[in-house]
């Protein structure tokens, strides 16, 4: 960690004139980490590195309100840190993105500085754009090919969550009241007034999702049974195990393929036993006389 003078040098790269330590207020914050948050999302290792590079120089505001008057601080340094003694819910080493930010000391922000020092203004949130949102169950990119898996639910022993990857842009970071991440607070949505129509629609979608989950699980069990119809061996087991990560479309395709293969395997032989040396009888062929169709032809 650089000392105060080194931090001041880095800070002054973003000012029109050099400022002294007495003129600015420096503070540290954790922007985000690789833990699964309250929304069922987590950042990949590559995404954290991209965020580290992109957040240098980004402004801080309140509640993700992009008004100019809301600008209150700026990040001038970022650092990706690890805690080898701590593991995430997915079993990875805990990593987090730390940032150094500054504000110019003025009469208008004196109360804010006191609230930061007292731990009142503490939780922060980032706003960014991602190119990939990977499902932990099937590996689908939800932004390109949505799957039926729902975050927080368990599918054949695998909990569904989304890994955010491929950071395409960062917008700002904010002081917020209730963050999604417990350590840093990545808030991607903001609450609003209750909408009965939206609630009813969401309830219907949840019910449809639960029904689809049950039907998909039944389909998965049917496919697993078909995998072992030809005998219990390593290939059948590997194929059956692969169904855990398949969505309904993939399961249907595999089921149809297995049914075709089993039908071909059970089809009767062309020659019955004892007929291997026999030749099929020669059939007589006769050409039928040609005739004209009396059905009228209409062209439209």
Protein backbone atom coordinates (compact mmCIF):
# COMPACT_ATOMS: atom_id res chain seq x y z
CA UNK A 1 0.00 0.00 0.00
CA UNK A 2 1.53 3.38 -1.01
CA UNK A 3 2.05 6.04 1.66
CA UNK A 4 0.11 9.32 1.79
CA UNK A 5 2.57 11.24 -0.39
CA UNK A 6 2.56 8.55 -3.09
CA UNK A 7 -1.22 8.50 -3.04
CA UNK A 8 -1.29 12.29 -3.38
CA UNK A 9 0.94 12.03 -6.46
CA UNK A 10 -1.46 9.55 -8.05
CA UNK A 11 -4.43 11.73 -7.10
CA UNK A 12 -2.99 14.85 -8.70
CA UNK A 13 -3.04 13.18 -12.10
CA UNK A 14 -6.79 13.89 -12.12
CA UNK A 15 -6.71 17.53 -10.94
CA UNK A 16 -6.05 20.73 -12.88
CA UNK A 17 -3.54 21.87 -10.25
CA UNK A 18 -1.63 20.06 -7.55
CA UNK A 19 -3.47 19.68 -4.25
CA UNK A 20 -2.00 19.23 -0.80
CA UNK A 21 -3.08 16.63 1.76
CA UNK A 22 -4.87 19.36 3.73
CA UNK A 23 -7.11 20.15 0.76
CA UNK A 24 -8.35 16.62 0.04
CA UNK A 25 -10.01 13.80 1.94
CA UNK A 26 -8.75 10.28 1.09
CA UNK A 27 -10.67 7.09 1.82
CA UNK A 28 -10.62 3.42 0.79
CA UNK A 29 -13.52 1.30 -0.37
CA UNK A 30 -14.21 -2.20 -1.63
CA UNK A 31 -16.02 -2.06 -4.95
CA UNK A 32 -16.89 -5.74 -5.51
CA UNK A 33 -15.66 -9.31 -5.05
CA UNK A 34 -16.02 -12.83 -6.44
CA UNK A 35 -18.58 -14.05 -3.88
CA UNK A 36 -22.14 -14.91 -4.90
CA UNK A 37 -24.25 -11.89 -3.96
CA UNK A 38 -27.86 -11.53 -2.87
CA UNK A 39 -28.97 -11.45 -6.50
CA UNK A 40 -27.30 -14.80 -7.23
CA UNK A 41 -24.47 -13.26 -9.29
CA UNK A 42 -20.70 -13.21 -8.94
CA UNK A 43 -17.82 -11.76 -10.94
CA UNK A 44 -15.29 -14.01 -12.66
CA UNK A 45 -11.55 -13.61 -12.05
CA UNK A 46 -11.12 -12.06 -15.50
CA UNK A 47 -14.01 -9.64 -14.85
CA UNK A 48 -12.40 -8.42 -11.61
CA UNK A 49 -9.18 -7.69 -13.48
CA UNK A 50 -11.08 -5.76 -16.15
CA UNK A 51 -12.94 -3.78 -13.49
CA UNK A 52 -9.64 -2.95 -11.79
CA UNK A 53 -8.31 -1.37 -14.96
CA UNK A 54 -11.53 0.39 -15.96
CA UNK A 55 -12.48 1.97 -12.62
CA UNK A 56 -9.45 4.23 -12.31
CA UNK A 57 -10.74 7.80 -12.73
CA UNK A 58 -14.43 6.91 -12.39
CA UNK A 59 -16.64 9.28 -10.42
CA UNK A 60 -18.72 8.44 -7.33
CA UNK A 61 -22.35 9.54 -6.89
CA UNK A 62 -25.40 8.71 -4.75
CA UNK A 63 -27.99 5.96 -5.44
CA UNK A 64 -26.95 5.61 -9.09
CA UNK A 65 -28.55 8.96 -9.89
CA UNK A 66 -26.45 10.33 -12.78
CA UNK A 67 -27.10 14.04 -12.13
CA UNK A 68 -24.05 16.25 -12.36
CA UNK A 69 -24.79 17.68 -8.93
CA UNK A 70 -24.53 14.17 -7.47
CA UNK A 71 -20.81 13.87 -8.22
CA UNK A 72 -19.05 13.66 -4.89
CA UNK A 73 -15.76 11.72 -5.21
CA UNK A 74 -13.40 10.09 -7.69
CA UNK A 75 -11.33 6.90 -7.73
CA UNK A 76 -7.65 7.45 -8.48
CA UNK A 77 -6.21 4.00 -7.72
CA UNK A 78 -7.44 0.40 -7.72
CA UNK A 79 -5.96 -2.84 -6.43
CA UNK A 80 -7.06 -6.48 -6.74
CA UNK A 81 -6.56 -8.28 -3.43
CA UNK A 82 -6.83 -11.90 -2.28
CA UNK A 83 -7.51 -13.57 1.06
CA UNK A 84 -5.96 -17.09 0.86
CA UNK A 85 -7.54 -18.07 4.16
CA UNK A 86 -11.07 -17.41 2.94
CA UNK A 87 -13.08 -19.39 0.39
CA UNK A 88 -16.17 -18.34 -1.54
CA UNK A 89 -19.36 -20.42 -1.72
CA UNK A 90 -18.01 -21.89 -4.96
CA UNK A 91 -14.75 -22.96 -3.29
CA UNK A 92 -12.52 -20.31 -4.87
CA UNK A 93 -10.03 -18.11 -3.04
CA UNK A 94 -11.80 -14.93 -1.99
CA UNK A 95 -10.76 -11.93 -4.12
CA UNK A 96 -11.96 -8.34 -3.93
CA UNK A 97 -11.39 -5.05 -5.72
CA UNK A 98 -10.16 -2.27 -3.45
CA UNK A 99 -10.08 1.37 -4.53
CA UNK A 100 -8.65 4.65 -3.27
CA UNK A 101 -10.94 7.65 -3.72
CA UNK A 102 -10.74 11.33 -2.88
CA UNK A 103 -12.93 14.35 -2.29
CA UNK A 104 -11.96 18.01 -2.10
CA UNK A 105 -12.67 19.30 1.42
CA UNK A 106 -15.42 21.95 1.26
CA UNK A 107 -18.07 23.29 3.62
CA UNK A 108 -20.79 21.49 1.65
CA UNK A 109 -19.29 18.00 2.10
CA UNK A 110 -18.05 18.36 5.69
CA UNK A 111 -21.06 16.42 7.01
CA UNK A 112 -20.53 13.67 4.42
CA UNK A 113 -16.91 13.29 5.47
CA UNK A 114 -17.98 12.97 9.10
CA UNK A 115 -20.57 10.35 8.12
CA UNK A 116 -17.92 8.35 6.23
CA UNK A 117 -15.54 8.51 9.18
CA UNK A 118 -18.35 7.42 11.53
CA UNK A 119 -19.30 4.46 9.32
CA UNK A 120 -22.73 5.83 8.43
CA UNK A 121 -21.98 6.22 4.72
CA UNK A 122 -20.29 2.89 4.13
CA UNK A 123 -21.99 0.62 1.58
CA UNK A 124 -21.12 1.19 -2.06
CA UNK A 125 -22.28 -0.16 -5.39
CA UNK A 126 -20.94 -0.23 -8.92
CA UNK A 127 -22.67 0.20 -12.27
CA UNK A 128 -21.17 -1.64 -15.22
CA UNK A 129 -22.05 -3.54 -18.41
CA UNK A 130 -21.17 -7.19 -19.01
CA UNK A 131 -21.06 -9.24 -22.17
CA UNK A 132 -21.57 -12.64 -20.56
CA UNK A 133 -23.86 -13.97 -17.85
CA UNK A 134 -22.98 -17.65 -17.48
CA UNK A 135 -25.38 -20.15 -15.88
CA UNK A 136 -23.61 -22.42 -13.37
CA UNK A 137 -25.85 -25.38 -14.24
CA UNK A 138 -25.66 -25.60 -18.04
CA UNK A 139 -22.97 -23.05 -18.96
CA UNK A 140 -25.29 -21.04 -21.22
CA UNK A 141 -24.70 -17.33 -21.72
CA UNK A 142 -28.04 -15.98 -20.51
CA UNK A 143 -27.59 -12.79 -22.55
CA UNK A 144 -27.38 -14.75 -25.82
CA UNK A 145 -29.21 -18.04 -25.16
CA UNK A 146 -31.47 -17.89 -22.09
CA UNK A 147 -31.97 -21.22 -20.31
CA UNK A 148 -34.73 -22.38 -17.97
CA UNK A 149 -32.57 -22.55 -14.82
CA UNK A 150 -33.49 -20.11 -12.05
CA UNK A 151 -30.94 -18.54 -9.73
CA UNK A 152 -30.98 -19.92 -6.21
CA UNK A 153 -32.56 -23.25 -7.12
CA UNK A 154 -30.69 -26.57 -7.00
CA UNK A 155 -30.60 -28.85 -10.06
CA UNK A 156 -29.28 -32.38 -9.46
CA UNK A 157 -27.10 -31.12 -6.63
CA UNK A 158 -25.86 -27.97 -8.44
CA UNK A 159 -27.01 -24.57 -7.19
CA UNK A 160 -27.83 -22.14 -9.97
CA UNK A 161 -26.02 -18.80 -10.00
CA UNK A 162 -24.71 -16.51 -12.73
CA UNK A 163 -21.08 -15.63 -13.33
CA UNK A 164 -20.64 -12.13 -14.76
CA UNK A 165 -17.84 -11.94 -17.32
CA UNK A 166 -16.49 -9.83 -20.21
CA UNK A 167 -16.82 -6.29 -18.82
CA UNK A 168 -17.65 -3.98 -21.71
CA UNK A 169 -18.05 -0.69 -19.81
CA UNK A 170 -18.19 0.90 -16.35
CA UNK A 171 -20.39 3.88 -15.57
CA UNK A 172 -20.06 4.94 -11.92
CA UNK A 173 -20.00 3.82 -8.31
CA UNK A 174 -22.47 4.96 -5.69
CA UNK A 175 -23.14 5.23 -2.00
CA UNK A 176 -26.23 3.09 -1.38
CA UNK A 177 -28.28 1.95 1.61
CA UNK A 178 -28.82 -1.74 0.78
CA UNK A 179 -26.19 -3.41 -1.42
CA UNK A 180 -26.50 -6.79 -3.12
CA UNK A 181 -23.01 -7.88 -2.06
CA UNK A 182 -22.50 -8.03 1.68
CA UNK A 183 -18.85 -6.99 1.52
CA UNK A 184 -18.96 -4.40 -1.23
CA UNK A 185 -22.48 -4.05 -2.50
CA UNK A 186 -23.00 -4.47 -6.21
CA UNK A 187 -26.51 -3.10 -6.63
CA UNK A 188 -27.86 -3.75 -10.13
CA UNK A 189 -31.51 -2.81 -9.55
CA UNK A 190 -33.31 -0.16 -7.53
CA UNK A 191 -36.61 -0.64 -5.73
CA UNK A 192 -39.76 1.27 -6.58
CA UNK A 193 -43.48 1.41 -5.99
CA UNK A 194 -45.44 -1.84 -5.94
CA UNK A 195 -47.07 -2.67 -9.29
CA UNK A 196 -49.91 -5.26 -8.90
CA UNK A 197 -49.87 -6.11 -12.61
CA UNK A 198 -46.14 -6.80 -12.54
CA UNK A 199 -46.50 -8.82 -9.36
CA UNK A 200 -49.24 -10.96 -10.93
CA UNK A 201 -47.15 -11.47 -14.05
CA UNK A 202 -44.12 -12.40 -11.95
CA UNK A 203 -46.21 -14.86 -9.94
CA UNK A 204 -47.45 -16.49 -13.15
CA UNK A 205 -43.90 -16.68 -14.48
CA UNK A 206 -42.68 -18.28 -11.25
CA UNK A 207 -45.45 -20.89 -11.41
CA UNK A 208 -44.66 -21.63 -15.07
CA UNK A 209 -40.96 -21.89 -14.17
CA UNK A 210 -41.67 -24.38 -11.41
CA UNK A 211 -43.80 -26.49 -13.75
CA UNK A 212 -41.08 -26.40 -16.38
CA UNK A 213 -38.53 -27.47 -13.76
CA UNK A 214 -40.64 -30.50 -12.79
CA UNK A 215 -41.21 -31.51 -16.41
CA UNK A 216 -37.51 -31.10 -17.19
CA UNK A 217 -36.55 -33.30 -14.24
CA UNK A 218 -39.02 -35.98 -15.37
CA UNK A 219 -37.58 -35.75 -18.88
CA UNK A 220 -34.05 -36.04 -17.46
CA UNK A 221 -34.98 -39.23 -15.55
CA UNK A 222 -36.56 -40.67 -18.71
CA UNK A 223 -33.37 -39.96 -20.69
CA UNK A 224 -31.19 -41.53 -17.97
CA UNK A 225 -33.30 -44.71 -18.14
CA UNK A 226 -32.85 -44.80 -21.92
CA UNK A 227 -29.07 -44.41 -21.49
CA UNK A 228 -28.95 -47.69 -19.55
CA UNK A 229 -31.37 -49.62 -21.79
CA UNK A 230 -28.46 -50.96 -23.80
CA UNK A 231 -26.59 -52.13 -20.71
CA UNK A 232 -24.77 -50.61 -17.77
CA UNK A 233 -21.26 -49.61 -18.84
CA UNK A 234 -18.85 -46.67 -18.68
CA UNK A 235 -20.22 -45.06 -21.86
CA UNK A 236 -23.80 -45.26 -20.62
CA UNK A 237 -22.80 -43.77 -17.27
CA UNK A 238 -20.88 -40.90 -18.88
CA UNK A 239 -23.85 -40.11 -21.13
CA UNK A 240 -26.27 -40.26 -18.20
CA UNK A 241 -24.04 -37.98 -16.09
CA UNK A 242 -23.91 -35.41 -18.90
CA UNK A 243 -27.68 -34.88 -18.67
CA UNK A 244 -27.19 -32.89 -15.45
CA UNK A 245 -25.99 -29.88 -17.46
CA UNK A 246 -28.55 -30.14 -20.29
CA UNK A 247 -31.59 -27.96 -20.73
CA UNK A 248 -34.95 -29.19 -22.00
CA UNK A 249 -34.07 -28.76 -25.70
CA UNK A 250 -30.86 -30.78 -25.36
CA UNK A 251 -32.65 -33.49 -23.35
CA UNK A 252 -35.37 -33.82 -26.00
CA UNK A 253 -32.78 -34.12 -28.76
CA UNK A 254 -30.84 -36.77 -26.82
CA UNK A 255 -34.03 -38.71 -25.98
CA UNK A 256 -35.06 -38.82 -29.66
CA UNK A 257 -31.58 -39.94 -30.68
CA UNK A 258 -31.53 -42.69 -28.06
CA UNK A 259 -34.97 -43.92 -29.12
CA UNK A 260 -33.87 -44.13 -32.76
CA UNK A 261 -30.73 -46.03 -31.76
CA UNK A 262 -32.63 -48.49 -29.59
CA UNK A 263 -35.23 -49.07 -32.31
CA UNK A 264 -32.47 -49.86 -34.82
CA UNK A 265 -30.78 -52.23 -32.39
CA UNK A 266 -34.03 -54.13 -31.76
CA UNK A 267 -35.07 -54.35 -35.43
CA UNK A 268 -35.36 -57.98 -36.83
CA UNK A 269 -32.49 -59.30 -38.91
CA UNK A 270 -32.90 -59.27 -42.70
CA UNK A 271 -32.10 -63.02 -42.93
CA UNK A 272 -33.46 -65.46 -40.39
CA UNK A 273 -31.13 -68.10 -38.94
CA UNK A 274 -30.61 -70.95 -41.39
CA UNK A 275 -31.26 -68.74 -44.44
CA UNK A 276 -27.78 -67.31 -44.79
CA UNK A 277 -27.02 -69.38 -47.90
CA UNK A 278 -30.39 -68.95 -49.54
CA UNK A 279 -31.08 -66.45 -52.27
CA UNK A 280 -34.30 -64.47 -52.23
CA UNK A 281 -36.78 -65.55 -54.89
CA UNK A 282 -36.85 -63.60 -58.11
CA UNK A 283 -39.97 -61.45 -58.26
CA UNK A 284 -41.74 -60.65 -61.50
CA UNK A 285 -42.14 -57.01 -62.33
CA UNK A 286 -44.84 -55.59 -64.62
CA UNK A 287 -45.16 -52.03 -65.81
CA UNK A 288 -48.62 -50.58 -65.37
CA UNK A 289 -50.10 -48.79 -68.37
CA UNK A 290 -49.72 -45.07 -68.31
CA UNK A 291 -52.87 -43.07 -67.81
CA UNK A 292 -53.81 -39.43 -67.64
CA UNK A 293 -55.07 -37.81 -64.49
CA UNK A 294 -58.56 -36.41 -64.79
CA UNK A 295 -58.07 -34.04 -61.87
CA UNK A 296 -58.28 -30.48 -63.25
CA UNK A 297 -55.18 -28.30 -62.78
CA UNK A 298 -55.84 -24.81 -61.59
CA UNK A 299 -53.20 -22.07 -61.64
CA UNK A 300 -53.65 -19.06 -59.50
